[in-house]
């Protein structure tokens, strides 16, 4: 009886192993995920750079506005 349980368990484990994804599939999916993350990283770096440029431009515009206010005696 004990042998029957061992054989049955072995068959169950073999079936579970057959259902596991192949390593090549897992590697391909991992590569896809990494490519997507790389693309998102580049996009975020670009957006961050644009944000910094925009902040600096706004500062320059605010300085210009302050100068104009001073010249027009509004401030």
C-alpha atoms as a PDB file:
ATOM      1  CA  UNK A   1       0.000   0.000   0.000  1.00  0.00           C
ATOM      2  CA  UNK A   2       2.835   2.354   0.819  1.00  0.00           C
ATOM      3  CA  UNK A   3       4.331   1.775  -2.632  1.00  0.00           C
ATOM      4  CA  UNK A   4       1.039   2.749  -4.245  1.00  0.00           C
ATOM      5  CA  UNK A   5       1.044   6.068  -2.375  1.00  0.00           C
ATOM      6  CA  UNK A   6       4.631   6.752  -3.406  1.00  0.00           C
ATOM      7  CA  UNK A   7       3.882   5.938  -7.035  1.00  0.00           C
ATOM      8  CA  UNK A   8       0.742   8.092  -6.995  1.00  0.00           C
ATOM      9  CA  UNK A   9       2.648  10.991  -5.430  1.00  0.00           C
ATOM     10  CA  UNK A  10       5.402  10.597  -8.018  1.00  0.00           C
ATOM     11  CA  UNK A  11       2.833  10.716 -10.820  1.00  0.00           C
ATOM     12  CA  UNK A  12       1.244  13.845  -9.307  1.00  0.00           C
ATOM     13  CA  UNK A  13       4.616  15.559  -9.033  1.00  0.00           C
ATOM     14  CA  UNK A  14       5.490  14.597 -12.593  1.00  0.00           C
ATOM     15  CA  UNK A  15       2.220  16.128 -13.821  1.00  0.00           C
ATOM     16  CA  UNK A  16       2.915  19.323 -11.856  1.00  0.00           C
ATOM     17  CA  UNK A  17       6.398  19.559 -13.352  1.00  0.00           C
ATOM     18  CA  UNK A  18       4.979  19.153 -16.850  1.00  0.00           C
ATOM     19  CA  UNK A  19       2.674  22.121 -16.210  1.00  0.00           C
ATOM     20  CA  UNK A  20       5.515  24.439 -15.132  1.00  0.00           C
ATOM     21  CA  UNK A  21       6.535  27.060 -17.699  1.00  0.00           C
ATOM     22  CA  UNK A  22       9.654  26.401 -19.680  1.00  0.00           C
ATOM     23  CA  UNK A  23      12.785  28.294 -18.681  1.00  0.00           C
ATOM     24  CA  UNK A  24      12.977  29.837 -22.159  1.00  0.00           C
ATOM     25  CA  UNK A  25       9.481  31.250 -21.738  1.00  0.00           C
ATOM     26  CA  UNK A  26      10.351  32.666 -18.328  1.00  0.00           C
ATOM     27  CA  UNK A  27      13.567  34.196 -19.718  1.00  0.00           C
ATOM     28  CA  UNK A  28      11.684  35.766 -22.622  1.00  0.00           C
ATOM     29  CA  UNK A  29       9.068  37.260 -20.300  1.00  0.00           C
ATOM     30  CA  UNK A  30      11.813  38.575 -18.015  1.00  0.00           C
ATOM     31  CA  UNK A  31      13.497  40.211 -21.013  1.00  0.00           C
ATOM     32  CA  UNK A  32      10.167  41.806 -21.966  1.00  0.00           C
ATOM     33  CA  UNK A  33       9.721  43.161 -18.448  1.00  0.00           C
ATOM     34  CA  UNK A  34      13.274  44.533 -18.384  1.00  0.00           C
ATOM     35  CA  UNK A  35      12.799  46.205 -21.778  1.00  0.00           C
ATOM     36  CA  UNK A  36       9.602  47.832 -20.565  1.00  0.00           C
ATOM     37  CA  UNK A  37      11.297  49.026 -17.381  1.00  0.00           C
ATOM     38  CA  UNK A  38      14.198  50.453 -19.407  1.00  0.00           C
ATOM     39  CA  UNK A  39      11.754  52.340 -21.625  1.00  0.00           C
ATOM     40  CA  UNK A  40       9.900  53.698 -18.591  1.00  0.00           C
ATOM     41  CA  UNK A  41      13.176  54.735 -16.975  1.00  0.00           C
ATOM     42  CA  UNK A  42      14.208  56.683 -20.072  1.00  0.00           C
ATOM     43  CA  UNK A  43      10.788  58.323 -20.213  1.00  0.00           C
ATOM     44  CA  UNK A  44      10.950  59.322 -16.537  1.00  0.00           C
ATOM     45  CA  UNK A  45      14.468  60.705 -16.946  1.00  0.00           C
ATOM     46  CA  UNK A  46      13.312  62.804 -19.903  1.00  0.00           C
ATOM     47  CA  UNK A  47      10.265  64.062 -18.008  1.00  0.00           C
ATOM     48  CA  UNK A  48      12.392  64.925 -14.992  1.00  0.00           C
ATOM     49  CA  UNK A  49      14.819  66.832 -17.190  1.00  0.00           C
ATOM     50  CA  UNK A  50      11.947  68.711 -18.843  1.00  0.00           C
ATOM     51  CA  UNK A  51      10.542  69.528 -15.405  1.00  0.00           C
ATOM     52  CA  UNK A  52      13.868  70.999 -14.312  1.00  0.00           C
ATOM     53  CA  UNK A  53      14.145  73.061 -17.490  1.00  0.00           C
ATOM     54  CA  UNK A  54      10.589  74.315 -17.011  1.00  0.00           C
ATOM     55  CA  UNK A  55      11.276  75.310 -13.405  1.00  0.00           C
ATOM     56  CA  UNK A  56      14.339  77.278 -14.476  1.00  0.00           C
ATOM     57  CA  UNK A  57      12.396  78.966 -17.274  1.00  0.00           C
ATOM     58  CA  UNK A  58       9.628  79.947 -14.845  1.00  0.00           C
ATOM     59  CA  UNK A  59      12.250  81.439 -12.507  1.00  0.00           C
ATOM     60  CA  UNK A  60      13.647  83.539 -15.356  1.00  0.00           C
ATOM     61  CA  UNK A  61      10.147  84.699 -16.325  1.00  0.00           C
ATOM     62  CA  UNK A  62       9.396  85.605 -12.704  1.00  0.00           C
ATOM     63  CA  UNK A  63      12.618  87.636 -12.584  1.00  0.00           C
ATOM     64  CA  UNK A  64      11.612  89.407 -15.802  1.00  0.00           C
ATOM     65  CA  UNK A  65       8.160  90.161 -14.369  1.00  0.00           C
ATOM     66  CA  UNK A  66       9.729  91.517 -11.188  1.00  0.00           C
ATOM     67  CA  UNK A  67      12.004  93.788 -13.239  1.00  0.00           C
ATOM     68  CA  UNK A  68       9.048  95.037 -15.265  1.00  0.00           C
ATOM     69  CA  UNK A  69       7.070  95.719 -12.089  1.00  0.00           C
ATOM     70  CA  UNK A  70       9.992  97.682 -10.720  1.00  0.00           C
ATOM     71  CA  UNK A  71      10.361  99.667 -13.937  1.00  0.00           C
ATOM     72  CA  UNK A  72       6.645 100.387 -14.005  1.00  0.00           C
ATOM     73  CA  UNK A  73       6.685 101.180 -10.282  1.00  0.00           C
ATOM     74  CA  UNK A  74       4.090  98.528  -9.531  1.00  0.00           C
ATOM     75  CA  UNK A  75       6.179  96.796  -6.903  1.00  0.00           C
END
